[in-house]
Amino acid sequence: MGIKQILYGYLFFFFLFLSFPLCSTSDVIELKNGDMIKCAISSEDMHEVTCHTSLGRLTIPKNSIVNITHSSPEENAALRKKWLMQKKEYKKKLLTQASTVQTDKDGERLVKYRSQWITPEEYATLKKETFTKKQGRLKVEREQHEALLQEKEYKKRKNETIEEIRQGSMRRSREANDILETDEWLMERNAQFTIFYNTGDIASFAKKLKDISSSYYEKAQNDLGLEKAFILNERVEVFLVTDPVMWETLIATVSHVETKRGLANYYKKEIFLDAIDTTKQINNFFAHELSHILIEEFVVQNLSKKHSIPLCIKEGFAHYQGPVATYILPKEKLKKATTSNYYIQFDKLLAISTYPQESLQQELFHTEAASLIEFFFSRYDGKKFNEFLIEFAKTFHRLAPRHDTVTPEITREIMYATIQDSFLRKDFAGYASFEEAWLRYAIKE
């Protein structure tokens, strides 16, 4: 036989093969236990594969798979359609296949299953149980896989936290470093905040606080009249303290404690929160302490470190962002204090540079400070508050460069000059008319 004849023979059989239609194929998943699953894969990610088989839908963990052989989308679609038709005619086929169906002496139809003759109902139950067991095995494997991923994620976050604690030790306060040395810590982090927590019980709260912290940050910036966000030099570090002894030790190291559940260190950009009970106003304490940091940063970035504003304005703004109810008197008590003339007069309120220690004076200070800022925002927006703060800080620095020696007489002069040099002169003749309008607002029902 010549070469041409052999070549023609091969070509004949090749074209003959192409003339037959190809059989529809399926995706094939090979498992580590040796099983081969013919299926149509519907979705796949780095953790698991979801597919459809002739018995139904399966979800298989990736760590139990050795290999996947894919077919085309058209072939998969044809196969799924075929399986759907088979499912509809399943019972009918069982009863019509002569090789697997017979009748017993009573005329009842039986189906052959693993060398035994059983009823169609029993056969369907066994097939369902087999499928359920397979699904159960895959579920266990998936849960084991998820547990392994969680363990890996925990180790990764733990290592990241250790590295963050190590790198930031030089810039942190002594109190913060002492806290981080006492226990194992994890962290949640976003663009503005690093939140440290040391127990699994508050892990979900730490994540929630991370998610909502940016909204508190943005609100404070808007109320400071900032069209473009100013950028802090570093993230604010938040410490969720759940140990009562540790918290009491921390409180004891601070000379001036504003509240018993929250502390802020502006210079180090740190917030300490009593997280023993996360249901009691802790979000308000966070917003409150954050506001202290941001208003201080506002003055520094817009003027200088030498400029300042009165404590009552800082505290009032903090209450406006995160009100602390335990420090605020009811309206009727404030009204009684003003009508009986034992409230803290406006000039004295502006002159206070440290938190009052006597109980009533402390309550009046916080209540009047909060009311003062509420009064301002009832009439003006954040841009006006921005203008007011800058003008007041400039005048304050010019007339009282030593802020710790400010007297009520000087604060009246500062407030009068601020009114005359700002937009406030359109609404107020001077210091007295401003105080009168504020008091009317503070005690109104």
Protein backbone atom coordinates (compact mmCIF):
# COMPACT_ATOMS: atom_id res chain seq x y z
CA MET A 1 0.00 0.00 0.00
CA GLY A 2 1.40 3.40 -0.97
CA ILE A 3 1.84 6.41 1.28
CA LYS A 4 -0.99 8.25 -0.47
CA GLN A 5 -3.42 5.42 0.24
CA ILE A 6 -2.47 5.39 3.95
CA LEU A 7 -2.86 9.19 4.16
CA TYR A 8 -6.26 9.06 2.48
CA GLY A 9 -7.30 6.38 4.95
CA TYR A 10 -6.41 8.52 7.95
CA LEU A 11 -8.19 11.53 6.51
CA PHE A 12 -11.29 9.42 5.84
CA PHE A 13 -11.54 8.27 9.45
CA PHE A 14 -10.74 11.79 10.76
CA PHE A 15 -13.60 13.40 8.85
CA LEU A 16 -15.84 10.49 9.73
CA PHE A 17 -15.14 11.21 13.42
CA LEU A 18 -15.96 14.90 12.98
CA SER A 19 -19.25 14.03 11.30
CA PHE A 20 -20.62 12.46 14.52
CA PRO A 21 -22.11 14.88 17.16
CA LEU A 22 -20.12 15.16 20.38
CA CYS A 23 -21.76 13.81 23.53
CA SER A 24 -22.54 16.42 26.21
CA THR A 25 -19.95 16.36 28.98
CA SER A 26 -19.93 17.65 32.56
CA ASP A 27 -17.53 19.30 34.95
CA VAL A 28 -15.70 16.68 36.99
CA ILE A 29 -14.54 17.28 40.58
CA GLU A 30 -12.01 14.83 42.01
CA LEU A 31 -12.07 14.67 45.82
CA LYS A 32 -9.22 13.72 48.15
CA ASN A 33 -11.17 10.66 49.31
CA GLY A 34 -11.17 9.32 45.72
CA ASP A 35 -14.75 10.26 44.79
CA MET A 36 -15.36 11.68 41.32
CA ILE A 37 -18.36 14.02 41.13
CA LYS A 38 -19.88 14.77 37.72
CA CYS A 39 -21.61 18.09 37.94
CA ALA A 40 -22.27 21.52 36.48
CA ILE A 41 -20.34 24.15 38.48
CA SER A 42 -22.43 27.27 39.14
CA SER A 43 -19.99 29.29 41.27
CA GLU A 44 -16.47 29.04 42.61
CA ASP A 45 -14.30 31.13 44.95
CA MET A 46 -11.12 30.64 46.92
CA HIS A 47 -12.92 28.76 49.70
CA GLU A 48 -15.59 26.54 48.06
CA VAL A 49 -17.24 25.30 44.89
CA THR A 50 -21.01 25.21 44.37
CA CYS A 51 -22.33 22.84 41.73
CA HIS A 52 -25.43 20.99 40.54
CA THR A 53 -25.57 17.23 40.18
CA SER A 54 -28.28 14.85 39.08
CA LEU A 55 -29.21 14.52 42.76
CA GLY A 56 -29.30 18.24 43.57
CA ARG A 57 -27.11 21.16 44.66
CA LEU A 58 -23.74 20.60 46.40
CA THR A 59 -21.27 22.94 48.11
CA ILE A 60 -17.76 21.50 48.37
CA PRO A 61 -14.85 23.04 50.36
CA LYS A 62 -11.80 23.74 48.20
CA ASN A 63 -9.49 21.99 50.69
CA SER A 64 -11.25 18.65 49.98
CA ILE A 65 -10.73 18.92 46.19
CA VAL A 66 -7.76 17.48 44.30
CA ASN A 67 -8.64 18.54 40.75
CA ILE A 68 -11.41 20.13 38.67
CA THR A 69 -11.99 19.44 34.99
CA HIS A 70 -14.22 22.05 33.36
CA SER A 71 -16.55 21.69 30.40
CA SER A 72 -18.03 24.55 28.37
CA PRO A 73 -20.99 26.65 29.67
CA GLU A 74 -23.13 25.37 26.79
CA GLU A 75 -22.42 21.76 27.71
CA ASN A 76 -23.18 22.47 31.37
CA ALA A 77 -26.47 24.13 30.45
CA ALA A 78 -27.46 21.16 28.28
CA LEU A 79 -26.51 18.77 31.07
CA ARG A 80 -28.56 20.61 33.70
CA LYS A 81 -31.53 20.63 31.37
CA LYS A 82 -31.09 16.90 30.84
CA TRP A 83 -30.95 16.28 34.61
CA LEU A 84 -34.10 18.31 35.11
CA MET A 85 -35.95 16.17 32.61
CA GLN A 86 -34.57 13.03 34.24
CA LYS A 87 -35.77 14.20 37.64
CA LYS A 88 -39.30 14.76 36.35
CA GLU A 89 -39.41 11.27 34.83
CA TYR A 90 -37.44 9.60 37.61
CA LYS A 91 -40.24 7.60 39.14
CA LYS A 92 -41.66 6.68 35.76
CA LYS A 93 -38.31 5.30 34.58
CA LEU A 94 -37.87 3.29 37.75
CA LEU A 95 -41.19 1.55 37.15
CA THR A 96 -40.68 0.93 33.45
CA GLN A 97 -37.14 -0.48 33.36
CA ALA A 98 -37.62 -4.22 33.08
CA SER A 99 -34.15 -5.05 34.29
CA THR A 100 -34.61 -3.24 37.63
CA VAL A 101 -38.37 -3.51 38.27
CA GLN A 102 -40.55 -6.49 39.06
CA THR A 103 -43.71 -7.29 40.99
CA ASP A 104 -44.10 -9.40 44.09
CA LYS A 105 -46.79 -12.01 44.69
CA ASP A 106 -49.26 -9.34 45.76
CA GLY A 107 -48.69 -7.39 42.57
CA GLU A 108 -46.70 -4.59 44.26
CA ARG A 109 -43.93 -3.11 42.14
CA LEU A 110 -40.37 -3.52 43.46
CA VAL A 111 -37.07 -1.86 42.54
CA LYS A 112 -33.68 -3.55 42.58
CA TYR A 113 -31.15 -1.77 44.78
CA ARG A 114 -27.79 -3.32 45.67
CA SER A 115 -28.99 -6.89 44.97
CA GLN A 116 -32.19 -6.38 46.97
CA TRP A 117 -35.75 -5.79 45.84
CA ILE A 118 -37.46 -2.91 47.62
CA THR A 119 -40.44 -0.65 47.02
CA PRO A 120 -40.00 2.56 44.99
CA GLU A 121 -40.71 4.58 48.13
CA GLU A 122 -37.97 2.76 50.05
CA TYR A 123 -35.61 3.24 47.11
CA ALA A 124 -36.30 6.99 47.01
CA THR A 125 -35.74 7.21 50.79
CA LEU A 126 -32.41 5.37 50.58
CA LYS A 127 -31.20 7.58 47.73
CA LYS A 128 -32.19 10.66 49.73
CA GLU A 129 -30.39 9.36 52.84
CA THR A 130 -27.27 8.68 50.79
CA PHE A 131 -27.36 12.20 49.40
CA THR A 132 -27.98 13.66 52.88
CA LYS A 133 -25.01 11.74 54.33
CA LYS A 134 -22.82 13.05 51.55
CA GLN A 135 -24.03 16.57 52.20
CA GLY A 136 -23.38 16.06 55.93
CA ARG A 137 -19.83 14.91 55.27
CA LEU A 138 -19.22 17.89 53.04
CA LYS A 139 -20.72 20.19 55.69
CA VAL A 140 -18.31 18.84 58.32
CA GLU A 141 -15.40 19.33 55.94
CA ARG A 142 -16.60 22.87 55.21
CA GLU A 143 -16.88 23.68 58.93
CA GLN A 144 -13.40 22.29 59.54
CA HIS A 145 -12.14 24.39 56.65
CA GLU A 146 -13.82 27.52 58.04
CA ALA A 147 -12.38 26.83 61.51
CA LEU A 148 -8.93 26.51 59.95
CA LEU A 149 -9.40 29.80 58.10
CA GLN A 150 -10.53 31.51 61.33
CA GLU A 151 -7.50 30.17 63.16
CA LYS A 152 -5.20 31.42 60.39
CA GLU A 153 -6.96 34.81 60.41
CA TYR A 154 -6.62 35.03 64.21
CA LYS A 155 -2.89 34.25 64.05
CA LYS A 156 -2.43 36.79 61.27
CA ARG A 157 -4.27 39.54 63.20
CA LYS A 158 -2.44 38.61 66.39
CA ASN A 159 0.93 39.00 64.66
CA GLU A 160 -0.19 42.30 63.11
CA THR A 161 -1.27 43.56 66.55
CA ILE A 162 2.04 42.55 68.15
CA GLU A 163 3.90 44.42 65.40
CA GLU A 164 1.67 47.50 65.78
CA ILE A 165 2.22 47.52 69.56
CA ARG A 166 5.98 47.20 69.07
CA GLN A 167 6.26 49.93 66.43
CA GLY A 168 4.10 52.44 68.33
CA SER A 169 5.60 52.01 71.78
CA MET A 170 7.83 55.10 71.51
CA ARG A 171 5.02 57.50 70.64
CA ARG A 172 2.46 56.18 73.16
CA SER A 173 1.89 57.45 76.66
CA ARG A 174 3.22 55.50 79.62
CA GLU A 175 -0.38 54.60 80.59
CA ALA A 176 -1.08 53.14 77.14
CA ASN A 177 2.12 51.08 77.13
CA ASP A 178 1.39 49.79 80.63
CA ILE A 179 -2.07 48.64 79.52
CA LEU A 180 -0.75 46.89 76.40
CA GLU A 181 1.80 44.96 78.49
CA THR A 182 -0.79 43.43 80.81
CA ASP A 183 -2.70 41.14 78.44
CA GLU A 184 -2.98 39.72 74.94
CA TRP A 185 -4.53 42.27 72.58
CA LEU A 186 -6.10 42.29 69.15
CA MET A 187 -7.01 45.31 67.06
CA GLU A 188 -9.50 46.68 64.57
CA ARG A 189 -8.28 49.44 62.29
CA ASN A 190 -9.51 51.93 59.69
CA ALA A 191 -8.11 55.13 58.19
CA GLN A 192 -8.55 57.20 61.37
CA PHE A 193 -8.53 54.75 64.28
CA THR A 194 -6.75 51.74 65.76
CA ILE A 195 -9.00 50.06 68.32
CA PHE A 196 -7.33 47.68 70.80
CA TYR A 197 -9.36 45.08 72.70
CA ASN A 198 -8.29 42.12 74.83
CA THR A 199 -11.24 39.72 75.14
CA GLY A 200 -13.32 37.80 72.64
CA ASP A 201 -16.48 38.98 74.41
CA ILE A 202 -16.14 42.49 72.97
CA ALA A 203 -14.69 41.53 69.57
CA SER A 204 -18.03 42.23 67.87
CA PHE A 205 -18.32 45.58 69.67
CA ALA A 206 -14.78 46.54 68.64
CA LYS A 207 -15.66 45.80 65.02
CA LYS A 208 -18.91 47.77 65.32
CA LEU A 209 -17.07 50.72 66.86
CA LYS A 210 -14.55 50.62 64.00
CA ASP A 211 -17.39 50.67 61.46
CA ILE A 212 -19.21 53.65 63.05
CA SER A 213 -16.17 55.61 64.28
CA SER A 214 -15.73 57.36 60.93
CA SER A 215 -19.28 58.75 61.11
CA TYR A 216 -18.51 60.38 64.50
CA TYR A 217 -15.28 61.75 63.01
CA GLU A 218 -17.10 63.21 60.00
CA LYS A 219 -19.89 64.78 62.10
CA ALA A 220 -17.39 66.54 64.37
CA GLN A 221 -15.51 67.85 61.34
CA ASN A 222 -18.73 69.11 59.74
CA ASP A 223 -19.72 70.89 62.96
CA LEU A 224 -16.28 72.48 63.02
CA GLY A 225 -17.10 73.90 59.58
CA LEU A 226 -14.39 72.03 57.73
CA GLU A 227 -15.13 71.61 54.02
CA LYS A 228 -12.02 69.48 53.63
CA ALA A 229 -11.11 67.03 56.36
CA PHE A 230 -7.93 67.85 58.22
CA ILE A 231 -5.59 64.93 58.54
CA LEU A 232 -4.28 63.83 61.93
CA ASN A 233 -0.57 63.07 62.06
CA GLU A 234 -1.34 59.51 63.12
CA ARG A 235 -4.34 57.33 63.85
CA VAL A 236 -6.20 57.91 67.09
CA GLU A 237 -5.62 54.84 69.29
CA VAL A 238 -8.62 53.62 71.25
CA PHE A 239 -8.20 51.25 74.21
CA LEU A 240 -11.24 49.21 75.29
CA VAL A 241 -10.47 48.31 78.91
CA THR A 242 -12.54 45.44 80.34
CA ASP A 243 -10.62 44.80 83.57
CA PRO A 244 -12.09 46.83 86.51
CA VAL A 245 -8.77 46.88 88.40
CA MET A 246 -6.91 48.05 85.31
CA TRP A 247 -9.48 50.82 84.76
CA GLU A 248 -9.35 52.03 88.37
CA THR A 249 -5.54 52.05 88.20
CA LEU A 250 -5.72 54.14 85.03
CA ILE A 251 -8.18 56.61 86.58
CA ALA A 252 -5.91 57.00 89.61
CA THR A 253 -2.96 58.07 87.43
CA VAL A 254 -4.85 61.00 85.86
CA SER A 255 -4.85 64.29 87.76
CA HIS A 256 -8.07 65.71 86.25
CA VAL A 257 -10.75 63.13 85.49
CA GLU A 258 -13.58 64.59 83.43
CA THR A 259 -15.73 61.45 83.35
CA LYS A 260 -15.40 58.06 85.01
CA ARG A 261 -15.88 56.09 81.79
CA GLY A 262 -13.76 57.89 79.22
CA LEU A 263 -10.38 59.63 79.01
CA ALA A 264 -8.63 61.42 76.16
CA ASN A 265 -4.97 62.29 75.75
CA TYR A 266 -4.85 64.96 73.05
CA TYR A 267 -1.06 65.14 72.78
CA LYS A 268 -0.75 61.39 72.23
CA LYS A 269 -4.04 61.04 70.28
CA GLU A 270 -5.32 58.36 72.68
CA ILE A 271 -8.80 57.50 73.95
CA PHE A 272 -9.37 55.16 76.90
CA LEU A 273 -12.85 53.71 77.36
CA ASP A 274 -14.33 51.72 80.21
CA ALA A 275 -15.67 48.75 78.22
CA ILE A 276 -16.68 46.60 81.20
CA ASP A 277 -20.30 47.15 80.11
CA THR A 278 -20.62 48.08 76.44
CA THR A 279 -24.35 48.80 76.74
CA LYS A 280 -24.05 51.96 78.84
CA GLN A 281 -23.47 55.02 76.63
CA ILE A 282 -20.02 53.84 75.50
CA ASN A 283 -20.59 55.17 71.97
CA ASN A 284 -21.39 58.59 73.44
CA PHE A 285 -18.24 58.48 75.56
CA PHE A 286 -16.22 57.64 72.44
CA ALA A 287 -17.74 60.56 70.46
CA HIS A 288 -17.29 62.83 73.49
CA GLU A 289 -13.58 62.07 73.97
CA LEU A 290 -12.91 62.15 70.22
CA SER A 291 -14.36 65.66 70.08
CA HIS A 292 -11.85 66.87 72.66
CA ILE A 293 -9.01 65.65 70.43
CA LEU A 294 -10.48 67.11 67.25
CA ILE A 295 -11.29 70.58 68.63
CA GLU A 296 -7.77 70.85 70.07
CA GLU A 297 -6.34 69.73 66.72
CA PHE A 298 -8.56 72.28 64.96
CA VAL A 299 -7.07 75.15 66.97
CA VAL A 300 -3.49 73.94 66.49
CA GLN A 301 -3.81 73.40 62.73
CA ASN A 302 -5.62 76.70 62.12
CA LEU A 303 -3.56 78.84 64.53
CA SER A 304 -0.77 77.41 66.69
CA LYS A 305 -0.02 75.33 69.78
CA LYS A 306 0.08 78.54 71.81
CA HIS A 307 -3.54 79.38 71.03
CA SER A 308 -6.39 78.00 73.08
CA ILE A 309 -10.12 78.31 73.81
CA PRO A 310 -11.98 78.13 77.14
CA LEU A 311 -12.59 74.76 78.75
CA CYS A 312 -16.36 75.29 78.70
CA ILE A 313 -16.38 75.61 74.88
CA LYS A 314 -14.33 72.42 74.52
CA GLU A 315 -16.59 70.59 76.96
CA GLY A 316 -19.78 71.96 75.44
CA PHE A 317 -18.70 70.87 71.97
CA ALA A 318 -17.85 67.39 73.33
CA HIS A 319 -21.32 67.10 74.89
CA TYR A 320 -22.86 68.27 71.62
CA GLN A 321 -21.11 65.39 69.78
CA GLY A 322 -21.57 62.76 72.50
CA PRO A 323 -23.87 63.80 75.34
CA VAL A 324 -23.08 62.21 78.71
CA ALA A 325 -26.46 62.21 80.46
CA THR A 326 -25.12 61.60 83.97
CA TYR A 327 -23.43 65.01 83.93
CA ILE A 328 -26.34 67.05 82.58
CA LEU A 329 -28.97 68.56 84.86
CA PRO A 330 -32.65 68.50 83.85
CA LYS A 331 -34.03 71.75 82.42
CA GLU A 332 -36.08 72.52 85.52
CA LYS A 333 -33.00 72.34 87.79
CA LEU A 334 -31.03 74.61 85.49
CA LYS A 335 -33.99 77.01 85.40
CA LYS A 336 -34.13 77.02 89.19
CA ALA A 337 -30.39 77.68 89.36
CA THR A 338 -30.66 80.69 87.01
CA THR A 339 -33.79 82.18 88.59
CA SER A 340 -32.31 81.72 92.08
CA ASN A 341 -29.04 83.20 90.81
CA TYR A 342 -26.72 80.37 91.85
CA TYR A 343 -25.80 79.30 88.34
CA ILE A 344 -22.27 79.88 87.01
CA GLN A 345 -22.39 83.28 85.36
CA PHE A 346 -21.18 83.49 81.78
CA ASP A 347 -17.96 85.40 82.48
CA LYS A 348 -17.03 82.98 85.28
CA LEU A 349 -17.95 80.00 83.08
CA LEU A 350 -15.52 81.23 80.38
CA ALA A 351 -12.80 81.74 83.03
CA ILE A 352 -12.87 78.15 84.39
CA SER A 353 -9.67 76.34 83.38
CA THR A 354 -9.99 73.12 85.45
CA TYR A 355 -13.00 70.90 86.07
CA PRO A 356 -14.93 71.81 89.25
CA GLN A 357 -14.71 69.17 91.97
CA GLU A 358 -17.77 70.10 94.04
CA SER A 359 -20.77 68.06 92.87
CA LEU A 360 -23.27 70.86 92.13
CA GLN A 361 -20.66 73.11 90.52
CA GLN A 362 -19.54 70.18 88.37
CA GLU A 363 -23.12 69.51 87.19
CA LEU A 364 -23.76 73.19 86.51
CA PHE A 365 -20.49 73.50 84.57
CA HIS A 366 -21.28 70.56 82.25
CA THR A 367 -24.93 71.55 81.85
CA GLU A 368 -24.22 75.18 81.04
CA ALA A 369 -21.32 74.30 78.71
CA ALA A 370 -23.54 71.88 76.77
CA SER A 371 -26.35 74.44 76.67
CA LEU A 372 -24.00 77.17 75.40
CA ILE A 373 -22.96 75.15 72.33
CA GLU A 374 -26.53 73.97 71.69
CA PHE A 375 -27.59 77.64 71.76
CA PHE A 376 -24.91 78.50 69.20
CA PHE A 377 -25.91 75.69 66.81
CA SER A 378 -29.60 76.57 67.18
CA ARG A 379 -28.75 79.84 65.41
CA TYR A 380 -25.69 79.15 63.26
CA ASP A 381 -24.05 76.35 61.26
CA GLY A 382 -20.60 74.76 61.38
CA LYS A 383 -18.97 77.39 59.17
CA LYS A 384 -20.06 80.16 61.58
CA PHE A 385 -18.83 78.10 64.54
CA ASN A 386 -15.50 77.78 62.72
CA GLU A 387 -15.28 81.59 62.33
CA PHE A 388 -16.28 82.13 65.95
CA LEU A 389 -13.67 79.70 67.32
CA ILE A 390 -10.82 81.22 65.32
CA GLU A 391 -11.78 84.80 66.21
CA PHE A 392 -12.24 83.93 69.90
CA ALA A 393 -8.92 82.02 70.06
CA LYS A 394 -7.05 84.93 68.47
CA THR A 395 -8.60 87.44 70.88
CA PHE A 396 -8.10 85.08 73.82
CA HIS A 397 -4.42 84.73 72.94
CA ARG A 398 -3.98 88.47 72.48
CA LEU A 399 -5.70 89.57 75.68
CA ALA A 400 -4.83 86.61 77.91
CA PRO A 401 -1.63 84.89 76.71
CA ARG A 402 -1.40 83.10 80.07
CA HIS A 403 -4.58 81.06 79.92
CA ASP A 404 -4.33 79.76 83.47
CA THR A 405 -4.69 83.26 84.95
CA VAL A 406 -7.82 84.38 83.11
CA THR A 407 -10.31 86.36 85.23
CA PRO A 408 -14.05 86.96 84.65
CA GLU A 409 -13.24 90.59 83.84
CA ILE A 410 -10.87 89.53 81.06
CA THR A 411 -13.37 87.02 79.63
CA ARG A 412 -16.01 89.76 79.37
CA GLU A 413 -13.51 91.87 77.44
CA ILE A 414 -12.57 88.90 75.21
CA MET A 415 -16.21 88.07 74.46
CA TYR A 416 -17.08 91.70 73.72
CA ALA A 417 -14.12 92.02 71.30
CA THR A 418 -15.00 88.72 69.61
CA ILE A 419 -18.59 89.87 69.07
CA GLN A 420 -17.52 93.23 67.65
CA ASP A 421 -14.96 91.65 65.28
CA SER A 422 -17.18 88.86 63.93
CA PHE A 423 -20.58 88.14 62.39
CA LEU A 424 -22.07 88.10 65.92
CA ARG A 425 -22.26 91.91 65.98
CA LYS A 426 -25.29 91.68 63.66
CA ASP A 427 -27.27 89.86 66.38
CA PHE A 428 -25.77 91.05 69.67
CA ALA A 429 -24.78 94.46 70.96
CA GLY A 430 -22.18 92.99 73.28
CA TYR A 431 -21.38 90.56 76.05
CA ALA A 432 -24.54 91.20 78.12
CA SER A 433 -27.00 90.73 75.24
CA PHE A 434 -25.29 87.46 74.24
CA GLU A 435 -25.53 86.10 77.81
CA GLU A 436 -29.17 87.15 78.06
CA ALA A 437 -30.09 85.38 74.81
CA TRP A 438 -28.22 82.24 75.89
CA LEU A 439 -29.95 82.11 79.29
CA ARG A 440 -33.39 82.48 77.68
CA TYR A 441 -32.53 79.52 75.44
CA ALA A 442 -31.09 77.46 78.33
CA ILE A 443 -34.23 77.61 80.50
CA LYS A 444 -36.95 77.59 77.88
CA GLU A 445 -39.39 74.68 78.13
